[in-house]
Protein backbone atom coordinates (compact mmCIF):
# COMPACT_ATOMS: atom_id res chain seq x y z
CA MET A 1 0.05 0.19 0.07
CA ASN A 2 1.27 3.20 -0.92
CA ARG A 3 0.25 5.72 1.23
CA ARG A 4 0.41 9.47 0.23
CA THR A 5 1.31 11.88 3.27
CA HIS A 6 -0.73 14.71 3.28
CA LYS A 7 0.63 17.87 3.19
CA PRO A 8 -0.87 20.78 4.80
CA GLN A 9 -2.20 23.31 2.28
CA PRO A 10 -1.37 26.72 2.93
CA ALA A 11 -4.00 28.85 4.78
CA ALA A 12 -5.92 31.17 2.70
CA GLN A 13 -5.12 34.98 3.54
CA GLU A 14 -7.43 36.71 5.28
CA PRO A 15 -9.51 39.31 3.67
CA ASN A 16 -8.10 42.98 4.59
CA LEU A 17 -10.99 44.56 6.84
CA GLN A 18 -9.14 47.73 6.50
CA PRO A 19 -11.21 50.23 4.18
CA ASP A 20 -9.38 51.37 1.16
CA PRO A 21 -7.68 54.68 1.35
CA THR A 22 -9.97 57.29 -0.50
CA PRO A 23 -8.69 60.24 -2.16
CA GLN A 24 -9.95 62.35 0.52
CA ALA A 25 -7.81 60.69 3.09
CA ASP A 26 -4.92 61.09 0.67
CA ALA A 27 -5.55 64.80 0.52
CA ALA A 28 -5.71 65.25 4.11
CA ALA A 29 -2.52 63.53 4.94
CA ALA A 30 -0.74 65.59 1.91
CA ALA A 31 -2.11 68.81 3.59
CA GLY A 32 -0.58 67.98 6.91
CA GLU A 33 -4.03 67.16 8.86
CA PRO A 34 -4.09 64.18 11.09
CA GLU A 35 -5.65 61.40 10.13
CA PRO A 36 -8.75 60.51 12.03
CA PRO A 37 -8.35 58.13 14.59
CA ALA A 38 -8.88 54.35 13.96
CA ASP A 39 -11.18 53.57 16.98
CA ALA A 40 -12.59 54.94 20.03
CA ALA A 41 -9.81 54.10 22.47
CA GLU A 42 -7.41 55.94 20.31
CA ALA A 43 -9.84 58.75 19.99
CA ASN A 44 -10.07 58.93 23.76
CA LEU A 45 -6.21 58.95 24.09
CA HIS A 46 -5.89 61.83 21.83
CA GLY A 47 -8.66 63.73 23.78
CA GLN A 48 -6.55 62.72 26.85
CA VAL A 49 -3.76 64.39 25.68
CA GLU A 50 -5.00 67.51 24.15
CA GLU A 51 -6.60 68.09 27.68
CA LEU A 52 -3.29 67.50 29.55
CA THR A 53 -1.33 69.68 26.82
CA GLN A 54 -3.91 72.34 27.60
CA ALA A 55 -3.62 71.84 31.31
CA LEU A 56 0.10 71.90 31.12
CA GLU A 57 0.20 75.31 29.05
CA GLN A 58 -2.16 76.81 31.51
CA GLU A 59 0.31 75.87 34.37
CA ARG A 60 2.98 77.21 32.46
CA ASN A 61 1.35 80.67 32.04
CA ALA A 62 0.40 80.63 35.54
CA ARG A 63 4.12 80.32 36.56
CA LEU A 64 5.26 82.75 34.22
CA ARG A 65 2.95 85.18 35.48
CA ALA A 66 3.68 84.30 38.97
CA LEU A 67 7.30 84.95 38.40
CA ALA A 68 6.86 88.11 36.68
CA ASP A 69 4.27 89.05 39.95
CA MET A 70 7.45 87.99 42.16
CA GLN A 71 10.22 90.02 40.11
CA ASN A 72 7.77 93.14 40.22
CA PHE A 73 7.16 92.72 44.02
CA ARG A 74 11.09 92.86 44.49
CA ARG A 75 11.59 95.81 42.14
CA ARG A 76 8.97 97.93 43.90
CA ALA A 77 10.27 96.64 47.37
CA GLU A 78 13.66 97.80 46.29
CA GLU A 79 12.51 101.15 45.01
CA GLN A 80 10.56 101.76 48.27
CA LYS A 81 13.80 100.60 50.43
CA GLN A 82 16.14 103.31 48.61
CA GLU A 83 13.24 106.00 48.77
CA LEU A 84 12.99 105.30 52.36
CA ALA A 85 16.58 105.46 52.96
CA GLN A 86 16.83 108.69 50.86
CA TYR A 87 14.40 110.49 52.70
CA ALA A 88 14.63 108.88 56.29
CA ILE A 89 16.76 111.73 57.46
CA SER A 90 14.29 114.55 56.65
CA GLU A 91 12.66 114.65 59.90
CA PHE A 92 16.09 114.86 61.69
CA ALA A 93 17.40 117.28 58.98
CA GLN A 94 13.97 119.67 60.00
CA GLY A 95 14.79 119.38 63.52
CA LEU A 96 18.42 120.75 62.75
CA LEU A 97 17.35 123.68 60.69
CA ALA A 98 15.82 125.06 63.67
CA VAL A 99 19.18 124.47 65.58
CA LEU A 100 20.73 126.28 62.64
CA ASP A 101 18.04 129.44 62.60
CA ASN A 102 19.29 130.01 66.34
CA PHE A 103 23.06 129.53 65.45
CA GLU A 104 22.35 132.60 62.87
CA ARG A 105 20.57 134.66 65.14
CA ALA A 106 23.16 134.40 67.97
CA VAL A 107 25.90 135.16 65.83
CA ALA A 108 23.58 138.30 64.29
CA SER A 109 23.13 139.23 67.78
CA ALA A 110 26.46 139.34 69.00
CA GLU A 111 27.87 141.17 65.81
CA GLN A 112 25.24 143.77 66.56
CA SER A 113 25.87 144.19 70.40
CA ARG A 114 29.37 143.25 70.24
CA SER A 115 28.96 141.29 73.67
CA PHE A 116 30.63 138.22 74.66
CA GLU A 117 27.76 137.50 76.99
CA ALA A 118 25.06 137.81 74.53
CA LEU A 119 27.11 135.44 72.47
CA LEU A 120 27.65 132.77 75.03
CA ALA A 121 23.83 133.04 75.76
CA GLY A 122 22.92 132.65 72.29
CA VAL A 123 25.24 129.87 71.68
CA THR A 124 24.50 127.97 75.11
CA LEU A 125 20.76 127.82 74.32
CA THR A 126 21.40 126.81 70.81
CA GLN A 127 23.37 123.70 72.18
CA LYS A 128 20.50 122.76 74.31
CA GLN A 129 18.35 122.95 71.34
CA LEU A 130 20.64 120.65 69.30
CA LEU A 131 20.98 117.94 72.16
CA ASP A 132 17.06 118.15 72.83
CA THR A 133 16.44 117.56 68.82
CA LEU A 134 19.31 114.66 68.89
CA LYS A 135 17.64 113.02 71.96
CA ARG A 136 13.98 113.19 70.22
CA HIS A 137 15.93 111.01 67.62
CA GLY A 138 17.41 108.44 69.80
CA LEU A 139 20.64 110.01 70.57
CA GLU A 140 21.93 110.03 74.27
CA PRO A 141 25.23 111.07 75.64
CA ILE A 142 27.13 108.49 77.71
CA ASP A 143 28.07 109.58 81.40
CA ALA A 144 31.54 109.11 82.23
CA ALA A 145 33.05 111.43 84.96
CA GLY A 146 33.39 109.72 88.68
CA LEU A 147 31.79 106.48 87.14
CA PRO A 148 33.74 103.08 86.86
CA PHE A 149 35.68 102.49 83.92
CA ASP A 150 33.73 100.38 81.27
CA PRO A 151 35.46 99.40 78.03
CA ASN A 152 31.74 98.75 76.28
CA VAL A 153 31.11 102.66 76.39
CA HIS A 154 34.56 104.08 77.44
CA GLU A 155 37.94 104.54 75.58
CA ALA A 156 40.62 105.03 78.04
CA VAL A 157 43.00 107.46 76.38
CA LEU A 158 45.09 108.39 79.27
CA THR A 159 45.91 107.10 83.34
CA VAL A 160 46.47 109.18 86.19
CA GLU A 161 47.67 108.09 89.25
CA THR A 162 45.56 109.08 92.21
CA ALA A 163 44.71 108.13 95.70
CA ASP A 164 41.67 110.35 95.72
CA VAL A 165 39.42 108.02 93.56
CA PRO A 166 39.25 104.40 93.29
CA ASP A 167 41.36 102.31 91.27
CA ASN A 168 39.84 102.23 87.39
CA THR A 169 37.55 105.08 87.94
CA VAL A 170 37.12 107.93 85.32
CA VAL A 171 38.34 110.90 86.31
CA GLU A 172 37.76 113.30 83.15
CA ASP A 173 35.77 112.78 80.07
CA LEU A 174 38.01 114.12 77.28
CA GLN A 175 35.41 113.52 74.63
CA ARG A 176 31.85 112.94 75.11
CA GLY A 177 30.63 109.61 73.79
CA TYR A 178 26.79 108.79 72.65
CA THR A 179 24.54 106.08 72.18
CA LEU A 180 21.89 105.71 69.52
CA ARG A 181 18.84 103.96 70.44
CA GLY A 182 21.04 102.10 73.03
CA ARG A 183 23.83 101.20 70.74
CA VAL A 184 27.30 102.83 71.27
CA LEU A 185 27.52 105.50 68.51
CA ARG A 186 31.02 106.43 69.54
CA ALA A 187 32.63 105.83 72.97
CA SER A 188 33.80 108.19 75.40
CA LYS A 189 37.30 109.11 75.42
CA VAL A 190 38.49 109.30 79.23
CA LYS A 191 41.31 109.91 81.67
CA VAL A 192 41.19 106.43 84.14
CA SER A 193 42.96 106.39 87.45
CA VAL A 194 45.09 104.06 88.60
CA GLN A 195 46.29 103.52 92.46
CA PRO A 196 50.08 104.92 92.93
């Protein structure tokens, strides 16, 4: 018996279910227009991509606006700081103008009267007015004479041997020191006692 082996026949090709491209589809592709999505899932993905792209663009624009607002705020703050620094002294300068006026009056009065006493009285009153103006702005003199030497507010420039006062006592204030709102602006230059 002669048996023939049965060879399997090649399977027939499945029919192409994709529609043939139409001339309209070719024209849309040639014009650079995207082809319509093939199915609903792909359409859904395209929609989500569009939504995310729009959301990303909105966030980017919001971030750029916030950055611009911050830069504007910094610029305005710096301008206000500079303006404040320029004009902060104006109130102080106004107080000094009154002192200057009194100096001019004292000199004019002394020139007319040719009196030392009139000049001294005018200068003394003007000095008091100047000190009052400085105190209103937080400037205070540092007490020194007769007090124990304090290196935080005193600068010893001379020493003198004496048994009349305790050791390390300020015996003379050579140049008055001042504090501005509690902070040393200039230390007092003083003469300090030492025991013989």
